[in-house]
């Protein structure tokens, strides 16, 4: 379902950005005042796609908290519109410069470069949105991994989509004239759908199913059942130290230092993608809880 939503979002917001740009070009008269139509098309397309991915990432990752998502939406949405407009304008400016008669590059290569910038903007926005709302972003290694993955997917998919689209429009020459008018929206819809699909794979759950340490993990000591006179007169006042439960590989905490092993109340534990975990009191258990019977194995 996650992948379907991301793919559908990419298609719908790509078409929305393209339709909005066409309205401004033809209805508002910008077509006659701008050097190339990409000056309007690229910024609107890129910012629209970025905004769609931001909204989907936020609401799909926290589907049970719509009000909280709306409160968190302002900054990611502002960032998406800013980055999308900026990189889209850079792409359109480069296209304008490269469309000069003396430039040896073909228009196809120029369009491929513009689509790659769209992928960069969408991938970067997706990574930064994840950083703003995800618990995992507290881990610097996980944050770097997500940013690099989002950017890589955005660049690779936009490159493949652009090459595929240029191949189709070059080799299929017998397309009816009336259908050629839909060439641009079909191409941008394909780009948006593939970007959404790829970024949906990147964010596919690393820990959406996780254990949350609840009440009972906050104590570090408990009273003895039969306190001795010595312990009553000591500084422990009849209390004996009880170690916190320990967590071992392949489990890890969603946010914490990599060296932390003791469970505390409120910490989320990332479950492995496959296999099983053992909870018990011996050294082979993945989660060691004092006082439990020895775990099998």
C-alpha atoms as a PDB file:
ATOM      1  CA  UNK A   1       0.000   0.000   0.000  1.00  0.00           C
ATOM      2  CA  UNK A   2       2.871   2.382   0.808  1.00  0.00           C
ATOM      3  CA  UNK A   3       4.377   1.976  -2.656  1.00  0.00           C
ATOM      4  CA  UNK A   4       1.003   2.498  -4.345  1.00  0.00           C
ATOM      5  CA  UNK A   5       0.446   5.718  -2.413  1.00  0.00           C
ATOM      6  CA  UNK A   6       3.883   7.093  -3.238  1.00  0.00           C
ATOM      7  CA  UNK A   7       3.520   6.189  -6.911  1.00  0.00           C
ATOM      8  CA  UNK A   8       0.033   7.715  -7.139  1.00  0.00           C
ATOM      9  CA  UNK A   9       1.207  10.846  -5.350  1.00  0.00           C
ATOM     10  CA  UNK A  10       4.082  11.277  -7.781  1.00  0.00           C
ATOM     11  CA  UNK A  11       1.771  10.987 -10.787  1.00  0.00           C
ATOM     12  CA  UNK A  12      -0.925  13.312  -9.429  1.00  0.00           C
ATOM     13  CA  UNK A  13       1.411  16.062  -8.214  1.00  0.00           C
ATOM     14  CA  UNK A  14       3.473  15.901 -11.413  1.00  0.00           C
ATOM     15  CA  UNK A  15       0.305  16.436 -13.439  1.00  0.00           C
ATOM     16  CA  UNK A  16      -0.800  19.195 -11.074  1.00  0.00           C
ATOM     17  CA  UNK A  17       2.499  21.042 -11.515  1.00  0.00           C
ATOM     18  CA  UNK A  18       2.373  20.655 -15.272  1.00  0.00           C
ATOM     19  CA  UNK A  19      -1.242  21.871 -15.524  1.00  0.00           C
ATOM     20  CA  UNK A  20      -0.497  24.847 -13.307  1.00  0.00           C
ATOM     21  CA  UNK A  21       2.492  25.778 -15.451  1.00  0.00           C
ATOM     22  CA  UNK A  22       0.391  25.538 -18.620  1.00  0.00           C
ATOM     23  CA  UNK A  23      -2.248  27.777 -17.082  1.00  0.00           C
ATOM     24  CA  UNK A  24       0.369  30.412 -16.302  1.00  0.00           C
ATOM     25  CA  UNK A  25       2.014  30.119 -19.694  1.00  0.00           C
ATOM     26  CA  UNK A  26      -1.116  30.329 -21.810  1.00  0.00           C
ATOM     27  CA  UNK A  27      -3.804  31.926 -19.650  1.00  0.00           C
ATOM     28  CA  UNK A  28      -1.627  34.472 -17.847  1.00  0.00           C
ATOM     29  CA  UNK A  29       0.456  35.251 -20.919  1.00  0.00           C
ATOM     30  CA  UNK A  30       3.889  34.300 -19.603  1.00  0.00           C
ATOM     31  CA  UNK A  31       4.646  32.339 -22.771  1.00  0.00           C
ATOM     32  CA  UNK A  32       5.322  35.565 -24.675  1.00  0.00           C
ATOM     33  CA  UNK A  33       7.438  37.181 -21.955  1.00  0.00           C
ATOM     34  CA  UNK A  34       9.833  34.341 -21.039  1.00  0.00           C
ATOM     35  CA  UNK A  35      12.767  33.136 -23.156  1.00  0.00           C
ATOM     36  CA  UNK A  36      11.760  29.474 -22.807  1.00  0.00           C
ATOM     37  CA  UNK A  37       8.659  27.836 -21.236  1.00  0.00           C
ATOM     38  CA  UNK A  38      10.930  25.809 -18.895  1.00  0.00           C
ATOM     39  CA  UNK A  39      11.300  28.981 -16.818  1.00  0.00           C
ATOM     40  CA  UNK A  40       7.804  28.270 -15.535  1.00  0.00           C
ATOM     41  CA  UNK A  41       7.489  24.519 -16.086  1.00  0.00           C
ATOM     42  CA  UNK A  42      10.576  23.312 -14.201  1.00  0.00           C
ATOM     43  CA  UNK A  43      10.127  25.300 -10.950  1.00  0.00           C
ATOM     44  CA  UNK A  44       6.425  24.453 -10.692  1.00  0.00           C
ATOM     45  CA  UNK A  45       6.944  20.804 -11.594  1.00  0.00           C
ATOM     46  CA  UNK A  46       9.791  20.375  -9.122  1.00  0.00           C
ATOM     47  CA  UNK A  47       8.144  22.177  -6.217  1.00  0.00           C
ATOM     48  CA  UNK A  48       4.859  20.340  -6.808  1.00  0.00           C
ATOM     49  CA  UNK A  49       6.569  16.941  -6.788  1.00  0.00           C
ATOM     50  CA  UNK A  50       8.586  17.835  -3.694  1.00  0.00           C
ATOM     51  CA  UNK A  51       5.447  18.946  -1.880  1.00  0.00           C
ATOM     52  CA  UNK A  52       3.588  15.756  -2.802  1.00  0.00           C
ATOM     53  CA  UNK A  53       6.405  13.502  -1.573  1.00  0.00           C
ATOM     54  CA  UNK A  54       6.646  15.494   1.670  1.00  0.00           C
ATOM     55  CA  UNK A  55       2.929  15.138   2.412  1.00  0.00           C
ATOM     56  CA  UNK A  56       2.939  11.433   1.592  1.00  0.00           C
ATOM     57  CA  UNK A  57       6.066  10.691   3.632  1.00  0.00           C
ATOM     58  CA  UNK A  58       4.659  12.506   6.651  1.00  0.00           C
ATOM     59  CA  UNK A  59       1.180  11.001   6.649  1.00  0.00           C
ATOM     60  CA  UNK A  60       2.120   7.474   5.594  1.00  0.00           C
ATOM     61  CA  UNK A  61       4.798   7.260   8.289  1.00  0.00           C
ATOM     62  CA  UNK A  62       2.340   8.411  10.991  1.00  0.00           C
ATOM     63  CA  UNK A  63      -1.112   7.358   9.751  1.00  0.00           C
ATOM     64  CA  UNK A  64      -2.752   7.426  13.184  1.00  0.00           C
ATOM     65  CA  UNK A  65      -1.799  11.032  14.024  1.00  0.00           C
ATOM     66  CA  UNK A  66      -3.306  13.315  11.372  1.00  0.00           C
ATOM     67  CA  UNK A  67      -3.548  16.368  13.643  1.00  0.00           C
ATOM     68  CA  UNK A  68       0.076  16.051  14.687  1.00  0.00           C
ATOM     69  CA  UNK A  69       1.077  15.615  11.058  1.00  0.00           C
ATOM     70  CA  UNK A  70      -0.688  18.846  10.138  1.00  0.00           C
ATOM     71  CA  UNK A  71       1.236  20.665  12.851  1.00  0.00           C
ATOM     72  CA  UNK A  72       4.498  19.240  11.572  1.00  0.00           C
ATOM     73  CA  UNK A  73       3.711  19.937   7.927  1.00  0.00           C
ATOM     74  CA  UNK A  74       4.559  23.657   7.735  1.00  0.00           C
ATOM     75  CA  UNK A  75       8.354  23.502   7.806  1.00  0.00           C
ATOM     76  CA  UNK A  76       8.736  20.452   5.478  1.00  0.00           C
ATOM     77  CA  UNK A  77       6.228  21.969   3.042  1.00  0.00           C
ATOM     78  CA  UNK A  78       8.044  25.317   3.091  1.00  0.00           C
ATOM     79  CA  UNK A  79      11.360  23.534   2.569  1.00  0.00           C
ATOM     80  CA  UNK A  80       9.899  21.492  -0.298  1.00  0.00           C
ATOM     81  CA  UNK A  81       8.572  24.562  -2.086  1.00  0.00           C
ATOM     82  CA  UNK A  82      11.810  26.479  -1.521  1.00  0.00           C
ATOM     83  CA  UNK A  83      14.140  23.704  -2.690  1.00  0.00           C
ATOM     84  CA  UNK A  84      11.867  22.722  -5.548  1.00  0.00           C
ATOM     85  CA  UNK A  85      11.547  26.277  -6.838  1.00  0.00           C
ATOM     86  CA  UNK A  86      15.269  26.980  -6.444  1.00  0.00           C
ATOM     87  CA  UNK A  87      16.542  23.826  -8.154  1.00  0.00           C
ATOM     88  CA  UNK A  88      13.797  24.031 -10.771  1.00  0.00           C
ATOM     89  CA  UNK A  89      14.843  27.576 -11.593  1.00  0.00           C
ATOM     90  CA  UNK A  90      18.490  26.500 -11.790  1.00  0.00           C
ATOM     91  CA  UNK A  91      17.463  23.753 -14.208  1.00  0.00           C
ATOM     92  CA  UNK A  92      15.479  26.161 -16.362  1.00  0.00           C
ATOM     93  CA  UNK A  93      18.333  28.694 -16.340  1.00  0.00           C
ATOM     94  CA  UNK A  94      20.811  26.041 -17.472  1.00  0.00           C
ATOM     95  CA  UNK A  95      18.374  24.933 -20.160  1.00  0.00           C
ATOM     96  CA  UNK A  96      18.060  28.508 -21.425  1.00  0.00           C
ATOM     97  CA  UNK A  97      21.830  28.893 -21.603  1.00  0.00           C
ATOM     98  CA  UNK A  98      22.344  25.517 -23.253  1.00  0.00           C
ATOM     99  CA  UNK A  99      19.628  26.089 -25.859  1.00  0.00           C
ATOM    100  CA  UNK A 100      21.869  28.718 -27.469  1.00  0.00           C
ATOM    101  CA  UNK A 101      22.575  28.083 -31.174  1.00  0.00           C
ATOM    102  CA  UNK A 102      26.322  27.694 -30.639  1.00  0.00           C
ATOM    103  CA  UNK A 103      25.882  24.981 -27.991  1.00  0.00           C
ATOM    104  CA  UNK A 104      26.827  21.510 -29.312  1.00  0.00           C
ATOM    105  CA  UNK A 105      24.567  19.613 -26.896  1.00  0.00           C
ATOM    106  CA  UNK A 106      21.336  18.195 -28.248  1.00  0.00           C
ATOM    107  CA  UNK A 107      17.969  19.232 -26.743  1.00  0.00           C
ATOM    108  CA  UNK A 108      17.518  15.660 -25.493  1.00  0.00           C
ATOM    109  CA  UNK A 109      20.631  15.881 -23.305  1.00  0.00           C
ATOM    110  CA  UNK A 110      19.484  19.251 -21.981  1.00  0.00           C
ATOM    111  CA  UNK A 111      16.106  17.827 -21.028  1.00  0.00           C
ATOM    112  CA  UNK A 112      17.787  14.829 -19.348  1.00  0.00           C
ATOM    113  CA  UNK A 113      19.883  17.230 -17.256  1.00  0.00           C
ATOM    114  CA  UNK A 114      16.752  19.138 -16.219  1.00  0.00           C
ATOM    115  CA  UNK A 115      15.006  15.939 -15.134  1.00  0.00           C
ATOM    116  CA  UNK A 116      18.057  14.929 -13.089  1.00  0.00           C
ATOM    117  CA  UNK A 117      17.824  18.230 -11.184  1.00  0.00           C
ATOM    118  CA  UNK A 118      14.165  17.463 -10.500  1.00  0.00           C
ATOM    119  CA  UNK A 119      15.218  14.091  -9.066  1.00  0.00           C
ATOM    120  CA  UNK A 120      17.886  15.759  -6.900  1.00  0.00           C
ATOM    121  CA  UNK A 121      15.338  18.179  -5.461  1.00  0.00           C
ATOM    122  CA  UNK A 122      12.749  15.483  -4.738  1.00  0.00           C
ATOM    123  CA  UNK A 123      15.293  13.084  -3.194  1.00  0.00           C
ATOM    124  CA  UNK A 124      16.833  15.771  -0.998  1.00  0.00           C
ATOM    125  CA  UNK A 125      13.421  16.954   0.167  1.00  0.00           C
ATOM    126  CA  UNK A 126      12.373  13.402   1.027  1.00  0.00           C
ATOM    127  CA  UNK A 127      15.507  12.862   3.110  1.00  0.00           C
ATOM    128  CA  UNK A 128      15.142  16.136   4.996  1.00  0.00           C
ATOM    129  CA  UNK A 129      11.463  15.474   5.683  1.00  0.00           C
ATOM    130  CA  UNK A 130      12.358  12.085   7.144  1.00  0.00           C
ATOM    131  CA  UNK A 131      14.986  13.814   9.294  1.00  0.00           C
ATOM    132  CA  UNK A 132      12.377  16.216  10.701  1.00  0.00           C
ATOM    133  CA  UNK A 133       9.848  13.605  11.820  1.00  0.00           C
ATOM    134  CA  UNK A 134      11.599  10.256  12.251  1.00  0.00           C
ATOM    135  CA  UNK A 135      12.913   8.937  15.542  1.00  0.00           C
ATOM    136  CA  UNK A 136      15.704   7.202  13.667  1.00  0.00           C
ATOM    137  CA  UNK A 137      17.163  10.525  12.552  1.00  0.00           C
ATOM    138  CA  UNK A 138      18.729  10.877  15.998  1.00  0.00           C
ATOM    139  CA  UNK A 139      21.297   8.334  14.859  1.00  0.00           C
ATOM    140  CA  UNK A 140      23.867  10.222  12.689  1.00  0.00           C
ATOM    141  CA  UNK A 141      24.812   7.093  10.755  1.00  0.00           C
ATOM    142  CA  UNK A 142      21.174   6.345   9.913  1.00  0.00           C
ATOM    143  CA  UNK A 143      20.595   9.980   8.920  1.00  0.00           C
ATOM    144  CA  UNK A 144      23.555   9.962   6.501  1.00  0.00           C
ATOM    145  CA  UNK A 145      22.402   6.641   5.080  1.00  0.00           C
ATOM    146  CA  UNK A 146      18.872   7.942   4.428  1.00  0.00           C
ATOM    147  CA  UNK A 147      20.033  11.197   2.805  1.00  0.00           C
ATOM    148  CA  UNK A 148      22.456   9.364   0.519  1.00  0.00           C
ATOM    149  CA  UNK A 149      19.833   6.746  -0.378  1.00  0.00           C
ATOM    150  CA  UNK A 150      17.156   9.347  -1.172  1.00  0.00           C
ATOM    151  CA  UNK A 151      19.519  11.414  -3.313  1.00  0.00           C
ATOM    152  CA  UNK A 152      20.860   8.363  -5.133  1.00  0.00           C
ATOM    153  CA  UNK A 153      17.379   7.054  -5.881  1.00  0.00           C
ATOM    154  CA  UNK A 154      16.218  10.486  -7.045  1.00  0.00           C
ATOM    155  CA  UNK A 155      19.171  10.901  -9.413  1.00  0.00           C
ATOM    156  CA  UNK A 156      19.151   7.343 -10.801  1.00  0.00           C
ATOM    157  CA  UNK A 157      15.391   7.161 -11.368  1.00  0.00           C
ATOM    158  CA  UNK A 158      15.152  10.592 -12.978  1.00  0.00           C
ATOM    159  CA  UNK A 159      18.076   9.688 -15.249  1.00  0.00           C
ATOM    160  CA  UNK A 160      16.496   6.374 -16.288  1.00  0.00           C
ATOM    161  CA  UNK A 161      13.072   7.974 -16.755  1.00  0.00           C
ATOM    162  CA  UNK A 162      14.532  10.749 -18.899  1.00  0.00           C
ATOM    163  CA  UNK A 163      16.531   8.348 -21.068  1.00  0.00           C
ATOM    164  CA  UNK A 164      13.515   6.054 -21.464  1.00  0.00           C
ATOM    165  CA  UNK A 165      11.229   8.946 -22.378  1.00  0.00           C
ATOM    166  CA  UNK A 166      13.678  10.361 -24.926  1.00  0.00           C
ATOM    167  CA  UNK A 167      14.029   6.913 -26.474  1.00  0.00           C
ATOM    168  CA  UNK A 168      10.250   6.536 -26.802  1.00  0.00           C
ATOM    169  CA  UNK A 169       9.673   9.964 -28.292  1.00  0.00           C
ATOM    170  CA  UNK A 170      12.523   9.465 -30.788  1.00  0.00           C
ATOM    171  CA  UNK A 171      11.742   5.941 -31.988  1.00  0.00           C
ATOM    172  CA  UNK A 172       7.949   5.987 -32.065  1.00  0.00           C
ATOM    173  CA  UNK A 173       7.444   8.410 -34.948  1.00  0.00           C
ATOM    174  CA  UNK A 174       4.045   7.186 -36.089  1.00  0.00           C
ATOM    175  CA  UNK A 175       2.154   8.540 -33.093  1.00  0.00           C
ATOM    176  CA  UNK A 176      -0.968  10.506 -34.132  1.00  0.00           C
ATOM    177  CA  UNK A 177      -0.626  14.285 -34.060  1.00  0.00           C
ATOM    178  CA  UNK A 178      -3.419  14.745 -31.544  1.00  0.00           C
ATOM    179  CA  UNK A 179      -1.657  12.347 -29.175  1.00  0.00           C
ATOM    180  CA  UNK A 180       1.614  14.275 -29.438  1.00  0.00           C
ATOM    181  CA  UNK A 181      -0.014  17.098 -27.520  1.00  0.00           C
ATOM    182  CA  UNK A 182      -0.007  14.882 -24.429  1.00  0.00           C
ATOM    183  CA  UNK A 183       3.679  14.086 -24.721  1.00  0.00           C
ATOM    184  CA  UNK A 184       4.844  16.371 -21.917  1.00  0.00           C
ATOM    185  CA  UNK A 185       2.210  15.453 -19.304  1.00  0.00           C
ATOM    186  CA  UNK A 186       2.737  11.741 -19.969  1.00  0.00           C
ATOM    187  CA  UNK A 187       6.494  12.153 -19.574  1.00  0.00           C
ATOM    188  CA  UNK A 188       6.233  14.130 -16.344  1.00  0.00           C
ATOM    189  CA  UNK A 189       3.638  11.719 -14.971  1.00  0.00           C
ATOM    190  CA  UNK A 190       6.022   8.855 -15.703  1.00  0.00           C
ATOM    191  CA  UNK A 191       8.839  10.724 -13.938  1.00  0.00           C
ATOM    192  CA  UNK A 192       6.677  11.491 -10.906  1.00  0.00           C
ATOM    193  CA  UNK A 193       5.344   7.947 -10.619  1.00  0.00           C
ATOM    194  CA  UNK A 194       8.801   6.381 -10.828  1.00  0.00           C
ATOM    195  CA  UNK A 195      10.247   8.850  -8.325  1.00  0.00           C
ATOM    196  CA  UNK A 196       7.419   8.107  -5.901  1.00  0.00           C
ATOM    197  CA  UNK A 197       7.882   4.380  -6.356  1.00  0.00           C
ATOM    198  CA  UNK A 198      11.631   4.595  -5.764  1.00  0.00           C
ATOM    199  CA  UNK A 199      11.363   6.799  -2.697  1.00  0.00           C
ATOM    200  CA  UNK A 200       8.658   4.521  -1.335  1.00  0.00           C
ATOM    201  CA  UNK A 201      11.168   1.672  -1.521  1.00  0.00           C
ATOM    202  CA  UNK A 202      13.803   3.782   0.253  1.00  0.00           C
ATOM    203  CA  UNK A 203      11.479   4.473   3.169  1.00  0.00           C
ATOM    204  CA  UNK A 204      10.094   0.976   3.333  1.00  0.00           C
ATOM    205  CA  UNK A 205       9.921   0.141   6.913  1.00  0.00           C
ATOM    206  CA  UNK A 206      13.094  -0.269   8.806  1.00  0.00           C
ATOM    207  CA  UNK A 207      11.361  -0.270  12.124  1.00  0.00           C
ATOM    208  CA  UNK A 208       7.656   0.503  11.639  1.00  0.00           C
ATOM    209  CA  UNK A 209       6.999  -2.561  13.774  1.00  0.00           C
ATOM    210  CA  UNK A 210       9.029  -2.018  16.944  1.00  0.00           C
ATOM    211  CA  UNK A 211       9.035  -2.718  20.645  1.00  0.00           C
ATOM    212  CA  UNK A 212       8.559   0.214  22.976  1.00  0.00           C
ATOM    213  CA  UNK A 213       9.959  -0.132  26.485  1.00  0.00           C
ATOM    214  CA  UNK A 214       7.127   0.720  28.865  1.00  0.00           C
ATOM    215  CA  UNK A 215       6.685   0.982  32.616  1.00  0.00           C
ATOM    216  CA  UNK A 216       9.017  -1.127  34.696  1.00  0.00           C
ATOM    217  CA  UNK A 217      12.219  -0.333  32.849  1.00  0.00           C
ATOM    218  CA  UNK A 218      12.846   2.905  34.706  1.00  0.00           C
ATOM    219  CA  UNK A 219      13.985   1.444  38.034  1.00  0.00           C
ATOM    220  CA  UNK A 220      17.519   0.538  38.975  1.00  0.00           C
ATOM    221  CA  UNK A 221      16.869  -0.908  42.431  1.00  0.00           C
ATOM    222  CA  UNK A 222      14.133  -2.674  44.383  1.00  0.00           C
ATOM    223  CA  UNK A 223      13.587  -3.597  48.058  1.00  0.00           C
ATOM    224  CA  UNK A 224      14.754  -6.936  49.342  1.00  0.00           C
ATOM    225  CA  UNK A 225      12.030  -9.367  50.386  1.00  0.00           C
ATOM    226  CA  UNK A 226      13.556  -9.812  53.838  1.00  0.00           C
ATOM    227  CA  UNK A 227      15.892  -6.913  54.539  1.00  0.00           C
ATOM    228  CA  UNK A 228      18.606  -7.726  57.040  1.00  0.00           C
ATOM    229  CA  UNK A 229      19.504  -5.418  59.965  1.00  0.00           C
ATOM    230  CA  UNK A 230      22.782  -4.647  58.238  1.00  0.00           C
ATOM    231  CA  UNK A 231      21.046  -3.546  55.073  1.00  0.00           C
ATOM    232  CA  UNK A 232      18.525  -1.428  56.993  1.00  0.00           C
ATOM    233  CA  UNK A 233      21.343   0.491  58.626  1.00  0.00           C
ATOM    234  CA  UNK A 234      23.301   0.840  55.405  1.00  0.00           C
ATOM    235  CA  UNK A 235      23.070   3.629  52.898  1.00  0.00           C
ATOM    236  CA  UNK A 236      20.923   1.456  50.574  1.00  0.00           C
ATOM    237  CA  UNK A 237      18.075   1.395  53.163  1.00  0.00           C
ATOM    238  CA  UNK A 238      17.248  -2.215  52.399  1.00  0.00           C
ATOM    239  CA  UNK A 239      17.459  -1.841  48.627  1.00  0.00           C
ATOM    240  CA  UNK A 240      19.550  -3.993  46.357  1.00  0.00           C
ATOM    241  CA  UNK A 241      20.760  -2.963  42.939  1.00  0.00           C
ATOM    242  CA  UNK A 242      18.981  -4.636  40.026  1.00  0.00           C
ATOM    243  CA  UNK A 243      20.495  -4.272  36.557  1.00  0.00           C
ATOM    244  CA  UNK A 244      18.337  -2.901  33.792  1.00  0.00           C
ATOM    245  CA  UNK A 245      17.404  -5.377  31.062  1.00  0.00           C
ATOM    246  CA  UNK A 246      20.092  -5.697  28.389  1.00  0.00           C
ATOM    247  CA  UNK A 247      19.526  -5.753  24.625  1.00  0.00           C
ATOM    248  CA  UNK A 248      21.850  -7.661  22.317  1.00  0.00           C
ATOM    249  CA  UNK A 249      22.350  -7.966  18.552  1.00  0.00           C
ATOM    250  CA  UNK A 250      20.576  -8.152  16.100  1.00  0.00           C
ATOM    251  CA  UNK A 251      18.288  -5.767  17.999  1.00  0.00           C
ATOM    252  CA  UNK A 252      19.180  -2.109  18.440  1.00  0.00           C
ATOM    253  CA  UNK A 253      17.611   1.072  19.714  1.00  0.00           C
ATOM    254  CA  UNK A 254      15.989   3.472  17.282  1.00  0.00           C
ATOM    255  CA  UNK A 255      17.685   6.486  18.854  1.00  0.00           C
ATOM    256  CA  UNK A 256      20.635   6.233  21.171  1.00  0.00           C
ATOM    257  CA  UNK A 257      24.357   5.836  21.122  1.00  0.00           C
ATOM    258  CA  UNK A 258      25.526   2.700  19.376  1.00  0.00           C
ATOM    259  CA  UNK A 259      27.225   1.541  22.585  1.00  0.00           C
ATOM    260  CA  UNK A 260      24.083   1.667  24.715  1.00  0.00           C
ATOM    261  CA  UNK A 261      22.794  -1.724  25.807  1.00  0.00           C
ATOM    262  CA  UNK A 262      20.547  -1.008  28.795  1.00  0.00           C
ATOM    263  CA  UNK A 263      16.817  -0.607  28.156  1.00  0.00           C
ATOM    264  CA  UNK A 264      15.096   2.457  29.597  1.00  0.00           C
ATOM    265  CA  UNK A 265      11.456   3.420  29.635  1.00  0.00           C
ATOM    266  CA  UNK A 266      10.289   5.038  26.416  1.00  0.00           C
ATOM    267  CA  UNK A 267      13.052   3.749  24.150  1.00  0.00           C
ATOM    268  CA  UNK A 268      12.002   2.110  20.878  1.00  0.00           C
ATOM    269  CA  UNK A 269      13.694  -1.112  19.848  1.00  0.00           C
ATOM    270  CA  UNK A 270      14.133  -1.766  16.143  1.00  0.00           C
ATOM    271  CA  UNK A 271      13.123  -5.310  15.235  1.00  0.00           C
ATOM    272  CA  UNK A 272      15.026  -7.313  12.605  1.00  0.00           C
ATOM    273  CA  UNK A 273      13.413  -7.607   9.188  1.00  0.00           C
ATOM    274  CA  UNK A 274      13.287 -11.411   9.463  1.00  0.00           C
ATOM    275  CA  UNK A 275      13.932 -14.194  11.947  1.00  0.00           C
ATOM    276  CA  UNK A 276      12.959 -14.368  15.600  1.00  0.00           C
ATOM    277  CA  UNK A 277      14.116 -12.898  18.878  1.00  0.00           C
ATOM    278  CA  UNK A 278      14.549 -14.552  22.270  1.00  0.00           C
ATOM    279  CA  UNK A 279      13.609 -12.896  25.564  1.00  0.00           C
ATOM    280  CA  UNK A 280      14.904 -14.533  28.724  1.00  0.00           C
ATOM    281  CA  UNK A 281      17.526 -14.391  31.444  1.00  0.00           C
ATOM    282  CA  UNK A 282      20.509 -16.274  30.043  1.00  0.00           C
ATOM    283  CA  UNK A 283      23.348 -14.932  27.940  1.00  0.00           C
ATOM    284  CA  UNK A 284      21.907 -16.228  24.652  1.00  0.00           C
ATOM    285  CA  UNK A 285      18.744 -14.089  24.855  1.00  0.00           C
ATOM    286  CA  UNK A 286      18.448 -11.032  22.625  1.00  0.00           C
ATOM    287  CA  UNK A 287      16.694  -9.204  25.463  1.00  0.00           C
ATOM    288  CA  UNK A 288      17.947 -10.233  28.886  1.00  0.00           C
ATOM    289  CA  UNK A 289      15.426  -9.711  31.666  1.00  0.00           C
ATOM    290  CA  UNK A 290      16.494 -10.531  35.230  1.00  0.00           C
ATOM    291  CA  UNK A 291      14.156 -12.826  37.141  1.00  0.00           C
ATOM    292  CA  UNK A 292      12.775 -14.726  34.138  1.00  0.00           C
ATOM    293  CA  UNK A 293      13.285 -18.454  33.655  1.00  0.00           C
ATOM    294  CA  UNK A 294      16.231 -19.307  31.406  1.00  0.00           C
ATOM    295  CA  UNK A 295      15.400 -18.934  27.721  1.00  0.00           C
ATOM    296  CA  UNK A 296      15.729 -21.956  25.427  1.00  0.00           C
ATOM    297  CA  UNK A 297      18.991 -22.455  23.605  1.00  0.00           C
END
